[in-house]
Amino acid sequence: MPDLLVEHHGVPVLVCAADGPPIASAQDALDHLVGAAFDQAEVVAVPAERLDDTFFDLSTGVAGEILQKLVNYRLRLVVVGDISRHLAASSSLPGLVRESNRGRQVWFVPDLAALADRFKRPE
């Protein structure tokens, strides 16, 4: 399945294909997320399985670099899918997920239905 551009309550969202290239660095994010969303979307929804394990290990700094790259291009990130194994293996990731989901810039959701629901809530 290719990347798909959808709209949720007036917000254009690029839903990235699960079988796309892995995202393991800020350069990968630039090449495969920013490039795909440029001038089309405000939000990039990336399947969790596309993100390298280092993204979820906050001590590597990979998540921070990728998030900064997206912020620089005024893109919001949604990580879609089951990240329970990463949450169980980390003492800091659950806090990041909890705080991110309270804001607008980065969300972690279990599936695309939950993403659509997030746009229905008043912000």
PDB file of N, CA and C in Angstrom:
ATOM      1  N   MET A   1       0.835  -1.171   0.000  1.00  0.00           N
ATOM      2  CA  MET A   1       0.000   0.000   0.000  1.00  0.00           C
ATOM      3  C   MET A   1       0.888   1.245   0.000  1.00  0.00           C
ATOM      4  N   PRO A   2       0.609   2.195  -0.857  1.00  0.00           N
ATOM      5  CA  PRO A   2       1.411   3.432  -0.884  1.00  0.00           C
ATOM      6  C   PRO A   2       0.978   4.385   0.230  1.00  0.00           C
ATOM      7  N   ASP A   3       1.787   5.429   0.446  1.00  0.00           N
ATOM      8  CA  ASP A   3       1.395   6.483   1.374  1.00  0.00           C
ATOM      9  C   ASP A   3       0.060   7.053   0.910  1.00  0.00           C
ATOM     10  N   LEU A   4      -0.727   7.512   1.865  1.00  0.00           N
ATOM     11  CA  LEU A   4      -2.074   7.983   1.557  1.00  0.00           C
ATOM     12  C   LEU A   4      -2.300   9.326   2.240  1.00  0.00           C
ATOM     13  N   LEU A   5      -2.786  10.302   1.499  1.00  0.00           N
ATOM     14  CA  LEU A   5      -3.110  11.600   2.063  1.00  0.00           C
ATOM     15  C   LEU A   5      -4.592  11.612   2.413  1.00  0.00           C
ATOM     16  N   VAL A   6      -4.897  11.834   3.691  1.00  0.00           N
ATOM     17  CA  VAL A   6      -6.276  11.894   4.166  1.00  0.00           C
ATOM     18  C   VAL A   6      -6.468  13.211   4.908  1.00  0.00           C
ATOM     19  N   GLU A   7      -7.724  13.528   5.191  1.00  0.00           N
ATOM     20  CA  GLU A   7      -8.017  14.745   5.936  1.00  0.00           C
ATOM     21  C   GLU A   7      -8.881  14.402   7.132  1.00  0.00           C
ATOM     22  N   HIS A   8      -8.498  14.935   8.288  1.00  0.00           N
ATOM     23  CA  HIS A   8      -9.270  14.765   9.513  1.00  0.00           C
ATOM     24  C   HIS A   8      -9.612  16.148  10.049  1.00  0.00           C
ATOM     25  N   HIS A   9     -10.896  16.498   9.989  1.00  0.00           N
ATOM     26  CA  HIS A   9     -11.372  17.790  10.487  1.00  0.00           C
ATOM     27  C   HIS A   9     -10.541  18.947   9.939  1.00  0.00           C
ATOM     28  N   GLY A  10     -10.308  18.907   8.634  1.00  0.00           N
ATOM     29  CA  GLY A  10      -9.596  19.982   7.957  1.00  0.00           C
ATOM     30  C   GLY A  10      -8.085  19.922   8.040  1.00  0.00           C
ATOM     31  N   VAL A  11      -7.545  18.894   8.680  1.00  0.00           N
ATOM     32  CA  VAL A  11      -6.090  18.770   8.818  1.00  0.00           C
ATOM     33  C   VAL A  11      -5.588  17.686   7.859  1.00  0.00           C
ATOM     34  N   PRO A  12      -4.736  18.047   6.917  1.00  0.00           N
ATOM     35  CA  PRO A  12      -4.188  17.039   6.010  1.00  0.00           C
ATOM     36  C   PRO A  12      -3.154  16.157   6.720  1.00  0.00           C
ATOM     37  N   VAL A  13      -3.361  14.846   6.602  1.00  0.00           N
ATOM     38  CA  VAL A  13      -2.514  13.860   7.281  1.00  0.00           C
ATOM     39  C   VAL A  13      -1.945  12.912   6.233  1.00  0.00           C
ATOM     40  N   LEU A  14      -0.626  12.770   6.221  1.00  0.00           N
ATOM     41  CA  LEU A  14       0.010  11.772   5.373  1.00  0.00           C
ATOM     42  C   LEU A  14       0.133  10.489   6.179  1.00  0.00           C
ATOM     43  N   VAL A  15      -0.599   9.463   5.764  1.00  0.00           N
ATOM     44  CA  VAL A  15      -0.534   8.158   6.419  1.00  0.00           C
ATOM     45  C   VAL A  15       0.499   7.342   5.646  1.00  0.00           C
ATOM     46  N   CYS A  16       1.621   7.102   6.283  1.00  0.00           N
ATOM     47  CA  CYS A  16       2.733   6.409   5.628  1.00  0.00           C
ATOM     48  C   CYS A  16       2.472   4.909   5.564  1.00  0.00           C
ATOM     49  N   ALA A  17       2.904   4.322   4.489  1.00  0.00           N
ATOM     50  CA  ALA A  17       2.747   2.884   4.281  1.00  0.00           C
ATOM     51  C   ALA A  17       3.623   2.106   5.258  1.00  0.00           C
ATOM     52  N   ALA A  18       3.106   0.999   5.726  1.00  0.00           N
ATOM     53  CA  ALA A  18       3.848   0.153   6.665  1.00  0.00           C
ATOM     54  C   ALA A  18       5.086  -0.461   6.022  1.00  0.00           C
ATOM     55  N   ASP A  19       5.043  -0.674   4.732  1.00  0.00           N
ATOM     56  CA  ASP A  19       6.153  -1.342   4.057  1.00  0.00           C
ATOM     57  C   ASP A  19       7.156  -0.372   3.438  1.00  0.00           C
ATOM     58  N   GLY A  20       7.114   0.885   3.864  1.00  0.00           N
ATOM     59  CA  GLY A  20       8.057   1.867   3.344  1.00  0.00           C
ATOM     60  C   GLY A  20       9.432   1.707   3.965  1.00  0.00           C
ATOM     61  N   PRO A  21      10.360   2.554   3.557  1.00  0.00           N
ATOM     62  CA  PRO A  21      11.729   2.483   4.074  1.00  0.00           C
ATOM     63  C   PRO A  21      11.769   2.727   5.579  1.00  0.00           C
ATOM     64  N   PRO A  22      12.665   2.054   6.279  1.00  0.00           N
ATOM     65  CA  PRO A  22      12.786   2.264   7.727  1.00  0.00           C
ATOM     66  C   PRO A  22      13.307   3.667   8.032  1.00  0.00           C
ATOM     67  N   ILE A  23      12.891   4.168   9.195  1.00  0.00           N
ATOM     68  CA  ILE A  23      13.327   5.488   9.659  1.00  0.00           C
ATOM     69  C   ILE A  23      14.254   5.250  10.847  1.00  0.00           C
ATOM     70  N   ALA A  24      15.556   5.461  10.631  1.00  0.00           N
ATOM     71  CA  ALA A  24      16.546   5.191  11.672  1.00  0.00           C
ATOM     72  C   ALA A  24      17.395   6.410  12.005  1.00  0.00           C
ATOM     73  N   SER A  25      17.146   7.526  11.297  1.00  0.00           N
ATOM     74  CA  SER A  25      17.973   8.717  11.517  1.00  0.00           C
ATOM     75  C   SER A  25      17.196   9.955  11.090  1.00  0.00           C
ATOM     76  N   ALA A  26      17.735  11.115  11.461  1.00  0.00           N
ATOM     77  CA  ALA A  26      17.127  12.378  11.038  1.00  0.00           C
ATOM     78  C   ALA A  26      17.150  12.501   9.514  1.00  0.00           C
ATOM     79  N   GLN A  27      18.197  11.990   8.892  1.00  0.00           N
ATOM     80  CA  GLN A  27      18.262  12.039   7.426  1.00  0.00           C
ATOM     81  C   GLN A  27      17.173  11.171   6.805  1.00  0.00           C
ATOM     82  N   ASP A  28      16.909   9.998   7.393  1.00  0.00           N
ATOM     83  CA  ASP A  28      15.810   9.156   6.910  1.00  0.00           C
ATOM     84  C   ASP A  28      14.481   9.896   7.041  1.00  0.00           C
ATOM     85  N   ALA A  29      14.293  10.596   8.157  1.00  0.00           N
ATOM     86  CA  ALA A  29      13.060  11.356   8.360  1.00  0.00           C
ATOM     87  C   ALA A  29      12.930  12.444   7.301  1.00  0.00           C
ATOM     88  N   LEU A  30      14.026  13.104   7.020  1.00  0.00           N
ATOM     89  CA  LEU A  30      14.019  14.146   5.991  1.00  0.00           C
ATOM     90  C   LEU A  30      13.691  13.551   4.629  1.00  0.00           C
ATOM     91  N   ASP A  31      14.354  12.464   4.282  1.00  0.00           N
ATOM     92  CA  ASP A  31      14.176  11.852   2.963  1.00  0.00           C
ATOM     93  C   ASP A  31      12.797  11.221   2.781  1.00  0.00           C
ATOM     94  N   HIS A  32      12.316  10.518   3.800  1.00  0.00           N
ATOM     95  CA  HIS A  32      11.130   9.682   3.616  1.00  0.00           C
ATOM     96  C   HIS A  32       9.854  10.227   4.248  1.00  0.00           C
ATOM     97  N   LEU A  33       9.973  11.158   5.172  1.00  0.00           N
ATOM     98  CA  LEU A  33       8.774  11.713   5.807  1.00  0.00           C
ATOM     99  C   LEU A  33       8.560  13.162   5.370  1.00  0.00           C
ATOM    100  N   VAL A  34       9.552  14.002   5.588  1.00  0.00           N
ATOM    101  CA  VAL A  34       9.427  15.400   5.203  1.00  0.00           C
ATOM    102  C   VAL A  34       9.256  15.510   3.693  1.00  0.00           C
ATOM    103  N   GLY A  35      10.056  14.775   2.950  1.00  0.00           N
ATOM    104  CA  GLY A  35       9.964  14.821   1.493  1.00  0.00           C
ATOM    105  C   GLY A  35       8.597  14.397   0.984  1.00  0.00           C
ATOM    106  N   ALA A  36       8.032  13.371   1.601  1.00  0.00           N
ATOM    107  CA  ALA A  36       6.722  12.874   1.176  1.00  0.00           C
ATOM    108  C   ALA A  36       5.597  13.825   1.570  1.00  0.00           C
ATOM    109  N   ALA A  37       5.748  14.503   2.693  1.00  0.00           N
ATOM    110  CA  ALA A  37       4.674  15.361   3.208  1.00  0.00           C
ATOM    111  C   ALA A  37       4.772  16.800   2.718  1.00  0.00           C
ATOM    112  N   PHE A  38       5.911  17.180   2.204  1.00  0.00           N
ATOM    113  CA  PHE A  38       6.178  18.578   1.869  1.00  0.00           C
ATOM    114  C   PHE A  38       5.067  19.188   1.026  1.00  0.00           C
ATOM    115  N   ASP A  39       4.534  20.311   1.500  1.00  0.00           N
ATOM    116  CA  ASP A  39       3.456  21.054   0.830  1.00  0.00           C
ATOM    117  C   ASP A  39       2.166  20.265   0.653  1.00  0.00           C
ATOM    118  N   GLN A  40       2.009  19.156   1.363  1.00  0.00           N
ATOM    119  CA  GLN A  40       0.785  18.370   1.268  1.00  0.00           C
ATOM    120  C   GLN A  40       0.114  18.178   2.616  1.00  0.00           C
ATOM    121  N   ALA A  41       0.910  17.926   3.650  1.00  0.00           N
ATOM    122  CA  ALA A  41       0.354  17.497   4.933  1.00  0.00           C
ATOM    123  C   ALA A  41       0.912  18.329   6.085  1.00  0.00           C
ATOM    124  N   GLU A  42       0.133  18.395   7.156  1.00  0.00           N
ATOM    125  CA  GLU A  42       0.574  19.020   8.401  1.00  0.00           C
ATOM    126  C   GLU A  42       0.989  17.967   9.421  1.00  0.00           C
ATOM    127  N   VAL A  43       0.482  16.758   9.225  1.00  0.00           N
ATOM    128  CA  VAL A  43       0.725  15.656  10.147  1.00  0.00           C
ATOM    129  C   VAL A  43       1.237  14.467   9.351  1.00  0.00           C
ATOM    130  N   VAL A  44       2.235  13.786   9.904  1.00  0.00           N
ATOM    131  CA  VAL A  44       2.762  12.566   9.300  1.00  0.00           C
ATOM    132  C   VAL A  44       2.481  11.426  10.273  1.00  0.00           C
ATOM    133  N   ALA A  45       1.708  10.444   9.824  1.00  0.00           N
ATOM    134  CA  ALA A  45       1.380   9.269  10.643  1.00  0.00           C
ATOM    135  C   ALA A  45       2.256   8.116  10.178  1.00  0.00           C
ATOM    136  N   VAL A  46       3.154   7.681  11.062  1.00  0.00           N
ATOM    137  CA  VAL A  46       4.143   6.666  10.706  1.00  0.00           C
ATOM    138  C   VAL A  46       3.870   5.390  11.496  1.00  0.00           C
ATOM    139  N   PRO A  47       3.753   4.253  10.810  1.00  0.00           N
ATOM    140  CA  PRO A  47       3.607   2.992  11.536  1.00  0.00           C
ATOM    141  C   PRO A  47       4.825   2.754  12.431  1.00  0.00           C
ATOM    142  N   ALA A  48       4.567   2.332  13.656  1.00  0.00           N
ATOM    143  CA  ALA A  48       5.645   2.114  14.625  1.00  0.00           C
ATOM    144  C   ALA A  48       6.712   1.178  14.083  1.00  0.00           C
ATOM    145  N   GLU A  49       6.318   0.199  13.295  1.00  0.00           N
ATOM    146  CA  GLU A  49       7.294  -0.770  12.785  1.00  0.00           C
ATOM    147  C   GLU A  49       8.267  -0.164  11.783  1.00  0.00           C
ATOM    148  N   ARG A  50       7.974   1.007  11.247  1.00  0.00           N
ATOM    149  CA  ARG A  50       8.908   1.684  10.347  1.00  0.00           C
ATOM    150  C   ARG A  50      10.015   2.397  11.109  1.00  0.00           C
ATOM    151  N   LEU A  51       9.785   2.662  12.393  1.00  0.00           N
ATOM    152  CA  LEU A  51      10.784   3.355  13.199  1.00  0.00           C
ATOM    153  C   LEU A  51      11.770   2.346  13.778  1.00  0.00           C
ATOM    154  N   ASP A  52      13.034   2.619  13.583  1.00  0.00           N
ATOM    155  CA  ASP A  52      14.084   1.757  14.112  1.00  0.00           C
ATOM    156  C   ASP A  52      13.972   1.682  15.636  1.00  0.00           C
ATOM    157  N   ASP A  53      14.391   0.572  16.206  1.00  0.00           N
ATOM    158  CA  ASP A  53      14.349   0.399  17.664  1.00  0.00           C
ATOM    159  C   ASP A  53      15.083   1.510  18.402  1.00  0.00           C
ATOM    160  N   THR A  54      16.091   2.096  17.777  1.00  0.00           N
ATOM    161  CA  THR A  54      16.834   3.169  18.434  1.00  0.00           C
ATOM    162  C   THR A  54      15.962   4.401  18.679  1.00  0.00           C
ATOM    163  N   PHE A  55      14.912   4.573  17.893  1.00  0.00           N
ATOM    164  CA  PHE A  55      13.987   5.687  18.112  1.00  0.00           C
ATOM    165  C   PHE A  55      13.367   5.586  19.502  1.00  0.00           C
ATOM    166  N   PHE A  56      13.024   4.377  19.912  1.00  0.00           N
ATOM    167  CA  PHE A  56      12.329   4.147  21.175  1.00  0.00           C
ATOM    168  C   PHE A  56      13.281   4.065  22.369  1.00  0.00           C
ATOM    169  N   ASP A  57      14.581   3.982  22.118  1.00  0.00           N
ATOM    170  CA  ASP A  57      15.584   4.014  23.178  1.00  0.00           C
ATOM    171  C   ASP A  57      16.047   5.461  23.289  1.00  0.00           C
ATOM    172  N   LEU A  58      15.441   6.200  24.193  1.00  0.00           N
ATOM    173  CA  LEU A  58      15.668   7.643  24.255  1.00  0.00           C
ATOM    174  C   LEU A  58      17.113   8.016  24.539  1.00  0.00           C
ATOM    175  N   SER A  59      17.883   7.101  25.105  1.00  0.00           N
ATOM    176  CA  SER A  59      19.287   7.401  25.400  1.00  0.00           C
ATOM    177  C   SER A  59      20.129   7.568  24.129  1.00  0.00           C
ATOM    178  N   THR A  60      19.632   7.088  22.989  1.00  0.00           N
ATOM    179  CA  THR A  60      20.386   7.214  21.734  1.00  0.00           C
ATOM    180  C   THR A  60      20.287   8.606  21.136  1.00  0.00           C
ATOM    181  N   GLY A  61      19.240   9.352  21.481  1.00  0.00           N
ATOM    182  CA  GLY A  61      19.039  10.676  20.902  1.00  0.00           C
ATOM    183  C   GLY A  61      18.376  10.665  19.541  1.00  0.00           C
ATOM    184  N   VAL A  62      18.119   9.498  18.987  1.00  0.00           N
ATOM    185  CA  VAL A  62      17.532   9.395  17.648  1.00  0.00           C
ATOM    186  C   VAL A  62      16.136  10.023  17.617  1.00  0.00           C
ATOM    187  N   ALA A  63      15.316   9.736  18.616  1.00  0.00           N
ATOM    188  CA  ALA A  63      13.964  10.308  18.644  1.00  0.00           C
ATOM    189  C   ALA A  63      14.035  11.834  18.656  1.00  0.00           C
ATOM    190  N   GLY A  64      14.910  12.379  19.483  1.00  0.00           N
ATOM    191  CA  GLY A  64      15.045  13.833  19.553  1.00  0.00           C
ATOM    192  C   GLY A  64      15.460  14.441  18.226  1.00  0.00           C
ATOM    193  N   GLU A  65      16.388  13.793  17.547  1.00  0.00           N
ATOM    194  CA  GLU A  65      16.845  14.298  16.246  1.00  0.00           C
ATOM    195  C   GLU A  65      15.723  14.249  15.214  1.00  0.00           C
ATOM    196  N   ILE A  66      14.984  13.159  15.193  1.00  0.00           N
ATOM    197  CA  ILE A  66      13.889  13.012  14.227  1.00  0.00           C
ATOM    198  C   ILE A  66      12.780  14.015  14.537  1.00  0.00           C
ATOM    199  N   LEU A  67      12.427  14.145  15.799  1.00  0.00           N
ATOM    200  CA  LEU A  67      11.376  15.090  16.172  1.00  0.00           C
ATOM    201  C   LEU A  67      11.794  16.518  15.840  1.00  0.00           C
ATOM    202  N   GLN A  68      13.039  16.855  16.087  1.00  0.00           N
ATOM    203  CA  GLN A  68      13.513  18.206  15.770  1.00  0.00           C
ATOM    204  C   GLN A  68      13.445  18.472  14.269  1.00  0.00           C
ATOM    205  N   LYS A  69      13.799  17.479  13.480  1.00  0.00           N
ATOM    206  CA  LYS A  69      13.746  17.645  12.021  1.00  0.00           C
ATOM    207  C   LYS A  69      12.312  17.938  11.583  1.00  0.00           C
ATOM    208  N   LEU A  70      11.347  17.199  12.131  1.00  0.00           N
ATOM    209  CA  LEU A  70       9.948  17.417  11.759  1.00  0.00           C
ATOM    210  C   LEU A  70       9.455  18.784  12.233  1.00  0.00           C
ATOM    211  N   VAL A  71       9.837  19.190  13.443  1.00  0.00           N
ATOM    212  CA  VAL A  71       9.452  20.504  13.956  1.00  0.00           C
ATOM    213  C   VAL A  71      10.004  21.601  13.057  1.00  0.00           C
ATOM    214  N   ASN A  72      11.247  21.442  12.622  1.00  0.00           N
ATOM    215  CA  ASN A  72      11.861  22.443  11.739  1.00  0.00           C
ATOM    216  C   ASN A  72      11.047  22.655  10.465  1.00  0.00           C
ATOM    217  N   TYR A  73      10.373  21.611  10.006  1.00  0.00           N
ATOM    218  CA  TYR A  73       9.563  21.699   8.793  1.00  0.00           C
ATOM    219  C   TYR A  73       8.075  21.857   9.108  1.00  0.00           C
ATOM    220  N   ARG A  74       7.783  22.187  10.368  1.00  0.00           N
ATOM    221  CA  ARG A  74       6.403  22.418  10.824  1.00  0.00           C
ATOM    222  C   ARG A  74       5.484  21.237  10.557  1.00  0.00           C
ATOM    223  N   LEU A  75       5.999  20.059  10.808  1.00  0.00           N
ATOM    224  CA  LEU A  75       5.214  18.836  10.683  1.00  0.00           C
ATOM    225  C   LEU A  75       4.998  18.220  12.054  1.00  0.00           C
ATOM    226  N   ARG A  76       3.817  17.702  12.255  1.00  0.00           N
ATOM    227  CA  ARG A  76       3.509  16.968  13.480  1.00  0.00           C
ATOM    228  C   ARG A  76       3.670  15.477  13.192  1.00  0.00           C
ATOM    229  N   LEU A  77       4.081  14.720  14.209  1.00  0.00           N
ATOM    230  CA  LEU A  77       4.312  13.285  14.062  1.00  0.00           C
ATOM    231  C   LEU A  77       3.301  12.508  14.879  1.00  0.00           C
ATOM    232  N   VAL A  78       2.766  11.460  14.255  1.00  0.00           N
ATOM    233  CA  VAL A  78       1.946  10.490  14.972  1.00  0.00           C
ATOM    234  C   VAL A  78       2.573   9.123  14.739  1.00  0.00           C
ATOM    235  N   VAL A  79       2.920   8.453  15.830  1.00  0.00           N
ATOM    236  CA  VAL A  79       3.428   7.086  15.768  1.00  0.00           C
ATOM    237  C   VAL A  79       2.219   6.186  15.955  1.00  0.00           C
ATOM    238  N   VAL A  80       1.967   5.340  14.956  1.00  0.00           N
ATOM    239  CA  VAL A  80       0.767   4.507  14.944  1.00  0.00           C
ATOM    240  C   VAL A  80       1.157   3.046  15.130  1.00  0.00           C
ATOM    241  N   GLY A  81       0.593   2.416  16.166  1.00  0.00           N
ATOM    242  CA  GLY A  81       0.824   0.990  16.344  1.00  0.00           C
ATOM    243  C   GLY A  81       1.188   0.627  17.771  1.00  0.00           C
ATOM    244  N   ASP A  82       1.435  -0.629  17.945  1.00  0.00           N
ATOM    245  CA  ASP A  82       1.730  -1.200  19.258  1.00  0.00           C
ATOM    246  C   ASP A  82       3.201  -0.977  19.606  1.00  0.00           C
ATOM    247  N   ILE A  83       3.439  -0.209  20.648  1.00  0.00           N
ATOM    248  CA  ILE A  83       4.816   0.026  21.101  1.00  0.00           C
ATOM    249  C   ILE A  83       5.015  -0.550  22.505  1.00  0.00           C
ATOM    250  N   SER A  84       4.166  -1.469  22.898  1.00  0.00           N
ATOM    251  CA  SER A  84       4.195  -1.988  24.275  1.00  0.00           C
ATOM    252  C   SER A  84       5.536  -2.606  24.643  1.00  0.00           C
ATOM    253  N   ARG A  85       6.196  -3.282  23.715  1.00  0.00           N
ATOM    254  CA  ARG A  85       7.490  -3.882  24.065  1.00  0.00           C
ATOM    255  C   ARG A  85       8.540  -2.814  24.335  1.00  0.00           C
ATOM    256  N   HIS A  86       8.453  -1.701  23.632  1.00  0.00           N
ATOM    257  CA  HIS A  86       9.382  -0.596  23.867  1.00  0.00           C
ATOM    258  C   HIS A  86       9.077   0.083  25.200  1.00  0.00           C
ATOM    259  N   LEU A  87       7.798   0.230  25.505  1.00  0.00           N
ATOM    260  CA  LEU A  87       7.397   0.837  26.775  1.00  0.00           C
ATOM    261  C   LEU A  87       7.870  -0.006  27.946  1.00  0.00           C
ATOM    262  N   ALA A  88       7.744  -1.333  27.813  1.00  0.00           N
ATOM    263  CA  ALA A  88       8.146  -2.245  28.884  1.00  0.00           C
ATOM    264  C   ALA A  88       9.658  -2.227  29.108  1.00  0.00           C
ATOM    265  N   ALA A  89      10.418  -1.917  28.058  1.00  0.00           N
ATOM    266  CA  ALA A  89      11.881  -1.964  28.145  1.00  0.00           C
ATOM    267  C   ALA A  89      12.505  -0.633  28.566  1.00  0.00           C
ATOM    268  N   SER A  90      11.688   0.385  28.788  1.00  0.00           N
ATOM    269  CA  SER A  90      12.235   1.714  29.049  1.00  0.00           C
ATOM    270  C   SER A  90      11.606   2.340  30.279  1.00  0.00           C
ATOM    271  N   SER A  91      12.416   3.047  31.032  1.00  0.00           N
ATOM    272  CA  SER A  91      11.866   3.784  32.170  1.00  0.00           C
ATOM    273  C   SER A  91      11.448   5.194  31.760  1.00  0.00           C
ATOM    274  N   SER A  92      12.002   5.725  30.675  1.00  0.00           N
ATOM    275  CA  SER A  92      11.703   7.102  30.271  1.00  0.00           C
ATOM    276  C   SER A  92      10.681   7.211  29.135  1.00  0.00           C
ATOM    277  N   LEU A  93      10.572   6.198  28.294  1.00  0.00           N
ATOM    278  CA  LEU A  93       9.644   6.275  27.164  1.00  0.00           C
ATOM    279  C   LEU A  93       8.191   6.440  27.594  1.00  0.00           C
ATOM    280  N   PRO A  94       7.706   5.745  28.632  1.00  0.00           N
ATOM    281  CA  PRO A  94       6.308   5.959  29.032  1.00  0.00           C
ATOM    282  C   PRO A  94       6.006   7.421  29.373  1.00  0.00           C
ATOM    283  N   GLY A  95       6.939   8.102  29.988  1.00  0.00           N
ATOM    284  CA  GLY A  95       6.752   9.514  30.302  1.00  0.00           C
ATOM    285  C   GLY A  95       6.675  10.373  29.057  1.00  0.00           C
ATOM    286  N   LEU A  96       7.542  10.083  28.081  1.00  0.00           N
ATOM    287  CA  LEU A  96       7.509  10.819  26.817  1.00  0.00           C
ATOM    288  C   LEU A  96       6.167  10.617  26.122  1.00  0.00           C
ATOM    289  N   VAL A  97       5.706   9.381  26.077  1.00  0.00           N
ATOM    290  CA  VAL A  97       4.432   9.084  25.417  1.00  0.00           C
ATOM    291  C   VAL A  97       3.291   9.821  26.120  1.00  0.00           C
ATOM    292  N   ARG A  98       3.267   9.745  27.431  1.00  0.00           N
ATOM    293  CA  ARG A  98       2.205  10.387  28.213  1.00  0.00           C
ATOM    294  C   ARG A  98       2.195  11.901  27.964  1.00  0.00           C
ATOM    295  N   GLU A  99       3.356  12.526  28.067  1.00  0.00           N
ATOM    296  CA  GLU A  99       3.437  13.978  27.866  1.00  0.00           C
ATOM    297  C   GLU A  99       3.156  14.373  26.419  1.00  0.00           C
ATOM    298  N   SER A 100       3.654  13.595  25.482  1.00  0.00           N
ATOM    299  CA  SER A 100       3.412  13.891  24.065  1.00  0.00           C
ATOM    300  C   SER A 100       1.931  13.842  23.742  1.00  0.00           C
ATOM    301  N   ASN A 101       1.249  12.860  24.272  1.00  0.00           N
ATOM    302  CA  ASN A 101      -0.172  12.713  23.982  1.00  0.00           C
ATOM    303  C   ASN A 101      -1.026  13.801  24.607  1.00  0.00           C
ATOM    304  N   ARG A 102      -0.472  14.568  25.522  1.00  0.00           N
ATOM    305  CA  ARG A 102      -1.183  15.720  26.092  1.00  0.00           C
ATOM    306  C   ARG A 102      -1.055  16.946  25.192  1.00  0.00           C
ATOM    307  N   GLY A 103      -0.077  16.934  24.312  1.00  0.00           N
ATOM    308  CA  GLY A 103       0.195  18.092  23.468  1.00  0.00           C
ATOM    309  C   GLY A 103      -0.353  17.937  22.066  1.00  0.00           C
ATOM    310  N   ARG A 104       0.213  18.705  21.154  1.00  0.00           N
ATOM    311  CA  ARG A 104      -0.239  18.707  19.759  1.00  0.00           C
ATOM    312  C   ARG A 104       0.840  18.253  18.768  1.00  0.00           C
ATOM    313  N   GLN A 105       2.095  18.279  19.158  1.00  0.00           N
ATOM    314  CA  GLN A 105       3.181  18.060  18.204  1.00  0.00           C
ATOM    315  C   GLN A 105       3.447  16.591  17.897  1.00  0.00           C
ATOM    316  N   VAL A 106       3.371  15.737  18.913  1.00  0.00           N
ATOM    317  CA  VAL A 106       3.675  14.316  18.750  1.00  0.00           C
ATOM    318  C   VAL A 106       2.616  13.514  19.499  1.00  0.00           C
ATOM    319  N   TRP A 107       2.063  12.520  18.817  1.00  0.00           N
ATOM    320  CA  TRP A 107       1.100  11.617  19.445  1.00  0.00           C
ATOM    321  C   TRP A 107       1.533  10.187  19.206  1.00  0.00           C
ATOM    322  N   PHE A 108       1.196   9.325  20.133  1.00  0.00           N
ATOM    323  CA  PHE A 108       1.369   7.888  19.996  1.00  0.00           C
ATOM    324  C   PHE A 108      -0.031   7.287  20.103  1.00  0.00           C
ATOM    325  N   VAL A 109      -0.473   6.613  19.053  1.00  0.00           N
ATOM    326  CA  VAL A 109      -1.817   6.031  19.032  1.00  0.00           C
ATOM    327  C   VAL A 109      -1.728   4.568  18.614  1.00  0.00           C
ATOM    328  N   PRO A 110      -2.681   3.744  19.075  1.00  0.00           N
ATOM    329  CA  PRO A 110      -2.610   2.318  18.751  1.00  0.00           C
ATOM    330  C   PRO A 110      -2.982   1.982  17.305  1.00  0.00           C
ATOM    331  N   ASP A 111      -3.828   2.815  16.691  1.00  0.00           N
ATOM    332  CA  ASP A 111      -4.275   2.511  15.330  1.00  0.00           C
ATOM    333  C   ASP A 111      -4.822   3.774  14.667  1.00  0.00           C
ATOM    334  N   LEU A 112      -5.184   3.654  13.390  1.00  0.00           N
ATOM    335  CA  LEU A 112      -5.663   4.821  12.649  1.00  0.00           C
ATOM    336  C   LEU A 112      -7.014   5.307  13.148  1.00  0.00           C
ATOM    337  N   ALA A 113      -7.836   4.421  13.691  1.00  0.00           N
ATOM    338  CA  ALA A 113      -9.122   4.839  14.256  1.00  0.00           C
ATOM    339  C   ALA A 113      -8.889   5.760  15.456  1.00  0.00           C
ATOM    340  N   ALA A 114      -7.905   5.437  16.281  1.00  0.00           N
ATOM    341  CA  ALA A 114      -7.576   6.282  17.427  1.00  0.00           C
ATOM    342  C   ALA A 114      -7.027   7.626  16.958  1.00  0.00           C
ATOM    343  N   LEU A 115      -6.300   7.637  15.865  1.00  0.00           N
ATOM    344  CA  LEU A 115      -5.806   8.891  15.302  1.00  0.00           C
ATOM    345  C   LEU A 115      -6.984   9.760  14.864  1.00  0.00           C
ATOM    346  N   ALA A 116      -7.918   9.187  14.140  1.00  0.00           N
ATOM    347  CA  ALA A 116      -9.103   9.944  13.695  1.00  0.00           C
ATOM    348  C   ALA A 116      -9.852  10.493  14.903  1.00  0.00           C
ATOM    349  N   ASP A 117      -9.943   9.707  15.965  1.00  0.00           N
ATOM    350  CA  ASP A 117     -10.624  10.138  17.179  1.00  0.00           C
ATOM    351  C   ASP A 117      -9.921  11.333  17.819  1.00  0.00           C
ATOM    352  N   ARG A 118      -8.606  11.365  17.771  1.00  0.00           N
ATOM    353  CA  ARG A 118      -7.852  12.489  18.347  1.00  0.00           C
ATOM    354  C   ARG A 118      -8.234  13.814  17.684  1.00  0.00           C
ATOM    355  N   PHE A 119      -8.545  13.779  16.411  1.00  0.00           N
ATOM    356  CA  PHE A 119      -8.912  15.000  15.712  1.00  0.00           C
ATOM    357  C   PHE A 119     -10.340  15.433  16.024  1.00  0.00           C
ATOM    358  N   LYS A 120     -11.148  14.547  16.554  1.00  0.00           N
ATOM    359  CA  LYS A 120     -12.517  14.894  16.932  1.00  0.00           C
ATOM    360  C   LYS A 120     -12.567  15.618  18.265  1.00  0.00           C
ATOM    361  N   ARG A 121     -11.549  15.436  19.097  1.00  0.00           N
ATOM    362  CA  ARG A 121     -11.516  16.053  20.427  1.00  0.00           C
ATOM    363  C   ARG A 121     -11.196  17.537  20.312  1.00  0.00           C
ATOM    364  N   PRO A 122     -11.806  18.331  21.151  1.00  0.00           N
ATOM    365  CA  PRO A 122     -11.427  19.758  21.155  1.00  0.00           C
ATOM    366  C   PRO A 122     -10.001  19.914  21.684  1.00  0.00           C
ATOM    367  N   GLU A 123      -9.234  20.775  21.050  1.00  0.00           N
ATOM    368  CA  GLU A 123      -7.830  20.958  21.455  1.00  0.00           C
ATOM    369  C   GLU A 123      -7.676  22.187  22.315  1.00  0.00           C
TER     370      GLU A 123
END
